[in-house]
C-alpha atoms as a PDB file:
ATOM      1  CA  UNK A   1      -0.097   0.209   0.144  1.00  0.00           C
ATOM      2  CA  UNK A   2       2.920   2.256   0.926  1.00  0.00           C
ATOM      3  CA  UNK A   3       4.469   2.069  -2.751  1.00  0.00           C
ATOM      4  CA  UNK A   4       1.111   2.314  -4.212  1.00  0.00           C
ATOM      5  CA  UNK A   5       0.360   5.826  -2.469  1.00  0.00           C
ATOM      6  CA  UNK A   6       4.056   7.075  -3.078  1.00  0.00           C
ATOM      7  CA  UNK A   7       3.504   6.618  -7.074  1.00  0.00           C
ATOM      8  CA  UNK A   8      -0.005   8.551  -6.770  1.00  0.00           C
ATOM      9  CA  UNK A   9       1.931  11.211  -4.726  1.00  0.00           C
ATOM     10  CA  UNK A  10       4.447  10.971  -7.419  1.00  0.00           C
ATOM     11  CA  UNK A  11       1.549  11.741  -9.779  1.00  0.00           C
ATOM     12  CA  UNK A  12       0.002  14.545  -8.106  1.00  0.00           C
ATOM     13  CA  UNK A  13       3.376  16.455  -8.118  1.00  0.00           C
ATOM     14  CA  UNK A  14       3.671  15.415 -12.150  1.00  0.00           C
ATOM     15  CA  UNK A  15       0.427  16.789 -12.448  1.00  0.00           C
ATOM     16  CA  UNK A  16       0.338  19.815 -10.319  1.00  0.00           C
ATOM     17  CA  UNK A  17       3.369  20.861 -11.973  1.00  0.00           C
ATOM     18  CA  UNK A  18       2.350  20.344 -15.483  1.00  0.00           C
ATOM     19  CA  UNK A  19      -1.403  21.967 -14.872  1.00  0.00           C
ATOM     20  CA  UNK A  20       0.833  24.930 -13.049  1.00  0.00           C
ATOM     21  CA  UNK A  21       3.604  25.525 -16.017  1.00  0.00           C
ATOM     22  CA  UNK A  22       0.260  25.819 -18.370  1.00  0.00           C
ATOM     23  CA  UNK A  23      -1.203  28.334 -15.968  1.00  0.00           C
ATOM     24  CA  UNK A  24       1.579  30.770 -15.679  1.00  0.00           C
ATOM     25  CA  UNK A  25       2.504  30.820 -19.190  1.00  0.00           C
ATOM     26  CA  UNK A  26      -1.487  31.649 -19.782  1.00  0.00           C
ATOM     27  CA  UNK A  27      -1.001  34.774 -17.824  1.00  0.00           C
ATOM     28  CA  UNK A  28      -2.146  36.321 -14.597  1.00  0.00           C
ATOM     29  CA  UNK A  29      -5.357  37.807 -16.637  1.00  0.00           C
ATOM     30  CA  UNK A  30      -6.334  34.423 -17.827  1.00  0.00           C
ATOM     31  CA  UNK A  31      -6.545  33.056 -13.946  1.00  0.00           C
ATOM     32  CA  UNK A  32      -8.558  35.849 -12.604  1.00  0.00           C
ATOM     33  CA  UNK A  33     -11.501  35.784 -15.386  1.00  0.00           C
ATOM     34  CA  UNK A  34     -14.594  34.824 -13.367  1.00  0.00           C
ATOM     35  CA  UNK A  35     -16.056  31.699 -14.090  1.00  0.00           C
ATOM     36  CA  UNK A  36     -18.745  29.083 -13.060  1.00  0.00           C
ATOM     37  CA  UNK A  37     -16.668  26.420 -10.917  1.00  0.00           C
ATOM     38  CA  UNK A  38     -16.579  25.636  -7.477  1.00  0.00           C
ATOM     39  CA  UNK A  39     -14.340  28.403  -6.858  1.00  0.00           C
ATOM     40  CA  UNK A  40     -14.554  31.256  -9.355  1.00  0.00           C
ATOM     41  CA  UNK A  41     -11.316  31.684 -10.405  1.00  0.00           C
ATOM     42  CA  UNK A  42      -8.377  29.195 -11.670  1.00  0.00           C
ATOM     43  CA  UNK A  43      -5.839  31.681  -8.891  1.00  0.00           C
ATOM     44  CA  UNK A  44      -8.834  30.234  -6.380  1.00  0.00           C
ATOM     45  CA  UNK A  45      -9.037  27.153  -7.321  1.00  0.00           C
ATOM     46  CA  UNK A  46      -5.026  26.939  -7.130  1.00  0.00           C
ATOM     47  CA  UNK A  47      -4.945  28.282  -3.841  1.00  0.00           C
ATOM     48  CA  UNK A  48      -7.465  25.643  -2.608  1.00  0.00           C
ATOM     49  CA  UNK A  49      -5.487  22.687  -3.887  1.00  0.00           C
ATOM     50  CA  UNK A  50      -2.566  24.267  -1.575  1.00  0.00           C
ATOM     51  CA  UNK A  51      -4.766  25.122   1.223  1.00  0.00           C
ATOM     52  CA  UNK A  52      -6.153  21.443   1.279  1.00  0.00           C
ATOM     53  CA  UNK A  53      -3.217  19.849   0.727  1.00  0.00           C
ATOM     54  CA  UNK A  54      -1.467  21.894   3.228  1.00  0.00           C
ATOM     55  CA  UNK A  55      -4.210  21.519   6.096  1.00  0.00           C
ATOM     56  CA  UNK A  56      -4.141  17.650   5.710  1.00  0.00           C
ATOM     57  CA  UNK A  57      -0.353  17.267   5.859  1.00  0.00           C
ATOM     58  CA  UNK A  58      -0.313  19.572   8.887  1.00  0.00           C
ATOM     59  CA  UNK A  59      -3.109  17.303  10.301  1.00  0.00           C
ATOM     60  CA  UNK A  60      -1.204  14.268   9.708  1.00  0.00           C
ATOM     61  CA  UNK A  61       2.179  15.595  11.182  1.00  0.00           C
ATOM     62  CA  UNK A  62      -0.267  16.128  14.228  1.00  0.00           C
ATOM     63  CA  UNK A  63       0.059  20.004  13.998  1.00  0.00           C
ATOM     64  CA  UNK A  64      -2.510  22.214  14.763  1.00  0.00           C
ATOM     65  CA  UNK A  65      -4.633  23.900  11.991  1.00  0.00           C
ATOM     66  CA  UNK A  66      -6.735  26.560  12.678  1.00  0.00           C
ATOM     67  CA  UNK A  67      -7.393  28.354   9.396  1.00  0.00           C
ATOM     68  CA  UNK A  68      -6.939  28.404   5.856  1.00  0.00           C
ATOM     69  CA  UNK A  69      -3.369  29.255   4.577  1.00  0.00           C
ATOM     70  CA  UNK A  70      -3.623  30.946   1.670  1.00  0.00           C
ATOM     71  CA  UNK A  71      -6.188  33.400   4.110  1.00  0.00           C
ATOM     72  CA  UNK A  72      -2.207  35.278   4.630  1.00  0.00           C
ATOM     73  CA  UNK A  73      -1.308  35.170   1.075  1.00  0.00           C
ATOM     74  CA  UNK A  74      -2.184  37.967  -1.463  1.00  0.00           C
ATOM     75  CA  UNK A  75       0.053  36.657  -4.149  1.00  0.00           C
ATOM     76  CA  UNK A  76       0.154  35.967  -7.798  1.00  0.00           C
ATOM     77  CA  UNK A  77      -1.405  33.031  -9.174  1.00  0.00           C
ATOM     78  CA  UNK A  78       2.451  32.232  -9.975  1.00  0.00           C
ATOM     79  CA  UNK A  79       3.037  32.309  -6.210  1.00  0.00           C
ATOM     80  CA  UNK A  80       0.094  30.144  -5.610  1.00  0.00           C
ATOM     81  CA  UNK A  81       1.411  27.632  -8.318  1.00  0.00           C
ATOM     82  CA  UNK A  82       4.656  27.525  -6.298  1.00  0.00           C
ATOM     83  CA  UNK A  83       2.943  27.024  -3.112  1.00  0.00           C
ATOM     84  CA  UNK A  84       1.167  24.178  -4.539  1.00  0.00           C
ATOM     85  CA  UNK A  85       3.972  22.355  -6.624  1.00  0.00           C
ATOM     86  CA  UNK A  86       5.824  22.409  -3.055  1.00  0.00           C
ATOM     87  CA  UNK A  87       3.030  21.457  -1.053  1.00  0.00           C
ATOM     88  CA  UNK A  88       2.826  18.843  -2.913  1.00  0.00           C
ATOM     89  CA  UNK A  89       6.241  17.494  -2.435  1.00  0.00           C
ATOM     90  CA  UNK A  90       5.615  18.095   1.305  1.00  0.00           C
ATOM     91  CA  UNK A  91       2.597  15.678   1.152  1.00  0.00           C
ATOM     92  CA  UNK A  92       4.712  12.889  -1.145  1.00  0.00           C
ATOM     93  CA  UNK A  93       7.661  13.232   1.295  1.00  0.00           C
ATOM     94  CA  UNK A  94       5.623  13.059   4.439  1.00  0.00           C
ATOM     95  CA  UNK A  95       4.169   9.602   2.798  1.00  0.00           C
ATOM     96  CA  UNK A  96       7.474   8.232   1.795  1.00  0.00           C
ATOM     97  CA  UNK A  97       8.525   8.590   5.570  1.00  0.00           C
ATOM     98  CA  UNK A  98       5.422   7.173   6.954  1.00  0.00           C
ATOM     99  CA  UNK A  99       6.023   3.554   8.548  1.00  0.00           C
ATOM    100  CA  UNK A 100       4.186   1.197   6.409  1.00  0.00           C
ATOM    101  CA  UNK A 101       2.068  -0.064   9.849  1.00  0.00           C
ATOM    102  CA  UNK A 102       0.447   3.319  10.250  1.00  0.00           C
ATOM    103  CA  UNK A 103      -1.121   3.352   7.280  1.00  0.00           C
ATOM    104  CA  UNK A 104      -4.413   1.782   8.957  1.00  0.00           C
ATOM    105  CA  UNK A 105      -4.112   3.786  11.938  1.00  0.00           C
ATOM    106  CA  UNK A 106      -7.023   6.487  12.780  1.00  0.00           C
ATOM    107  CA  UNK A 107      -6.240   9.875  13.391  1.00  0.00           C
ATOM    108  CA  UNK A 108      -8.226  12.239  15.440  1.00  0.00           C
ATOM    109  CA  UNK A 109      -8.368  15.437  13.951  1.00  0.00           C
ATOM    110  CA  UNK A 110     -10.733  19.173  14.038  1.00  0.00           C
ATOM    111  CA  UNK A 111     -11.961  20.524  11.084  1.00  0.00           C
ATOM    112  CA  UNK A 112     -11.459  24.456  10.706  1.00  0.00           C
ATOM    113  CA  UNK A 113     -15.027  25.038  12.318  1.00  0.00           C
ATOM    114  CA  UNK A 114     -13.603  23.146  15.438  1.00  0.00           C
ATOM    115  CA  UNK A 115     -15.705  19.970  14.598  1.00  0.00           C
ATOM    116  CA  UNK A 116     -14.245  16.874  15.712  1.00  0.00           C
ATOM    117  CA  UNK A 117     -13.721  13.851  13.390  1.00  0.00           C
ATOM    118  CA  UNK A 118     -11.645  10.800  12.449  1.00  0.00           C
ATOM    119  CA  UNK A 119     -10.051   8.942   9.650  1.00  0.00           C
ATOM    120  CA  UNK A 120      -7.330   6.606   8.716  1.00  0.00           C
ATOM    121  CA  UNK A 121      -4.330   7.878   7.242  1.00  0.00           C
ATOM    122  CA  UNK A 122      -5.028   5.484   4.149  1.00  0.00           C
ATOM    123  CA  UNK A 123      -8.525   7.405   3.812  1.00  0.00           C
ATOM    124  CA  UNK A 124      -6.958  10.816   4.212  1.00  0.00           C
ATOM    125  CA  UNK A 125      -4.122  10.054   1.709  1.00  0.00           C
ATOM    126  CA  UNK A 126      -6.728   8.742  -1.173  1.00  0.00           C
ATOM    127  CA  UNK A 127      -9.255  11.837  -0.083  1.00  0.00           C
ATOM    128  CA  UNK A 128      -5.780  14.304  -0.672  1.00  0.00           C
ATOM    129  CA  UNK A 129      -4.892  12.672  -4.038  1.00  0.00           C
ATOM    130  CA  UNK A 130      -8.351  12.617  -5.309  1.00  0.00           C
ATOM    131  CA  UNK A 131      -9.427  15.935  -4.276  1.00  0.00           C
ATOM    132  CA  UNK A 132      -6.311  17.961  -6.044  1.00  0.00           C
ATOM    133  CA  UNK A 133      -7.276  15.330  -9.410  1.00  0.00           C
ATOM    134  CA  UNK A 134     -10.790  16.738  -9.095  1.00  0.00           C
ATOM    135  CA  UNK A 135     -10.219  20.432  -8.855  1.00  0.00           C
ATOM    136  CA  UNK A 136      -7.481  20.192 -11.601  1.00  0.00           C
ATOM    137  CA  UNK A 137      -9.892  18.928 -13.883  1.00  0.00           C
ATOM    138  CA  UNK A 138     -11.876  22.005 -13.050  1.00  0.00           C
ATOM    139  CA  UNK A 139      -9.028  24.570 -13.761  1.00  0.00           C
ATOM    140  CA  UNK A 140      -8.642  22.215 -17.191  1.00  0.00           C
ATOM    141  CA  UNK A 141     -12.467  23.408 -17.999  1.00  0.00           C
ATOM    142  CA  UNK A 142     -11.593  26.481 -17.345  1.00  0.00           C
ATOM    143  CA  UNK A 143      -8.671  26.978 -19.151  1.00  0.00           C
ATOM    144  CA  UNK A 144     -10.413  25.622 -22.042  1.00  0.00           C
ATOM    145  CA  UNK A 145     -13.328  27.676 -21.266  1.00  0.00           C
ATOM    146  CA  UNK A 146     -11.125  30.384 -21.873  1.00  0.00           C
ATOM    147  CA  UNK A 147     -10.050  29.638 -25.133  1.00  0.00           C
ATOM    148  CA  UNK A 148      -7.126  27.324 -24.284  1.00  0.00           C
ATOM    149  CA  UNK A 149      -7.130  23.526 -26.251  1.00  0.00           C
ATOM    150  CA  UNK A 150      -3.639  23.041 -26.071  1.00  0.00           C
ATOM    151  CA  UNK A 151      -3.292  21.519 -22.769  1.00  0.00           C
ATOM    152  CA  UNK A 152      -1.278  18.720 -21.926  1.00  0.00           C
ATOM    153  CA  UNK A 153      -3.028  15.568 -20.228  1.00  0.00           C
ATOM    154  CA  UNK A 154      -2.976  15.427 -16.251  1.00  0.00           C
ATOM    155  CA  UNK A 155      -4.323  12.009 -16.355  1.00  0.00           C
ATOM    156  CA  UNK A 156      -2.821   9.356 -14.465  1.00  0.00           C
ATOM    157  CA  UNK A 157      -2.388   7.391 -17.356  1.00  0.00           C
ATOM    158  CA  UNK A 158      -0.386  10.050 -19.152  1.00  0.00           C
ATOM    159  CA  UNK A 159       1.717  10.054 -16.147  1.00  0.00           C
ATOM    160  CA  UNK A 160       2.360   6.229 -16.353  1.00  0.00           C
ATOM    161  CA  UNK A 161       3.410   6.408 -19.868  1.00  0.00           C
ATOM    162  CA  UNK A 162       5.181   9.797 -19.237  1.00  0.00           C
ATOM    163  CA  UNK A 163       7.415   7.953 -15.991  1.00  0.00           C
ATOM    164  CA  UNK A 164       7.757   4.644 -18.141  1.00  0.00           C
ATOM    165  CA  UNK A 165       5.668   3.137 -15.600  1.00  0.00           C
END
């Protein structure tokens, strides 16, 4: 299971890097276009992916989480992309360092509102990686709505092909 999640975390890093390169090249104006999606701009979606990966990383490290990291950030979309890519590498590093016997352990935690929950590390890791994939898909749709049709695939199978697996 550990190796499986490491491969998925590598995919997450690869896909975040790939989509961010396209976003940055498209320009800040494109990332600020208002669109109908979970978040109204590509920039907001990028910061949301970074927020979620950061929050779950901190929870898994048993560090307190009281607010969205992006609340303190007023930077550009490029900065958000840099933070998102760095955060996905930090998440991967944590998974790589994880003891194989701990994946089924339960982690008690609180959401941002302070409500208590508990999930296994397996559930959390699967959630984080799927969550990022979902929102990257929204970014692709938003980019296509803005007229960009030459996007490189961020599909898992493209990662496997690209990495020779």
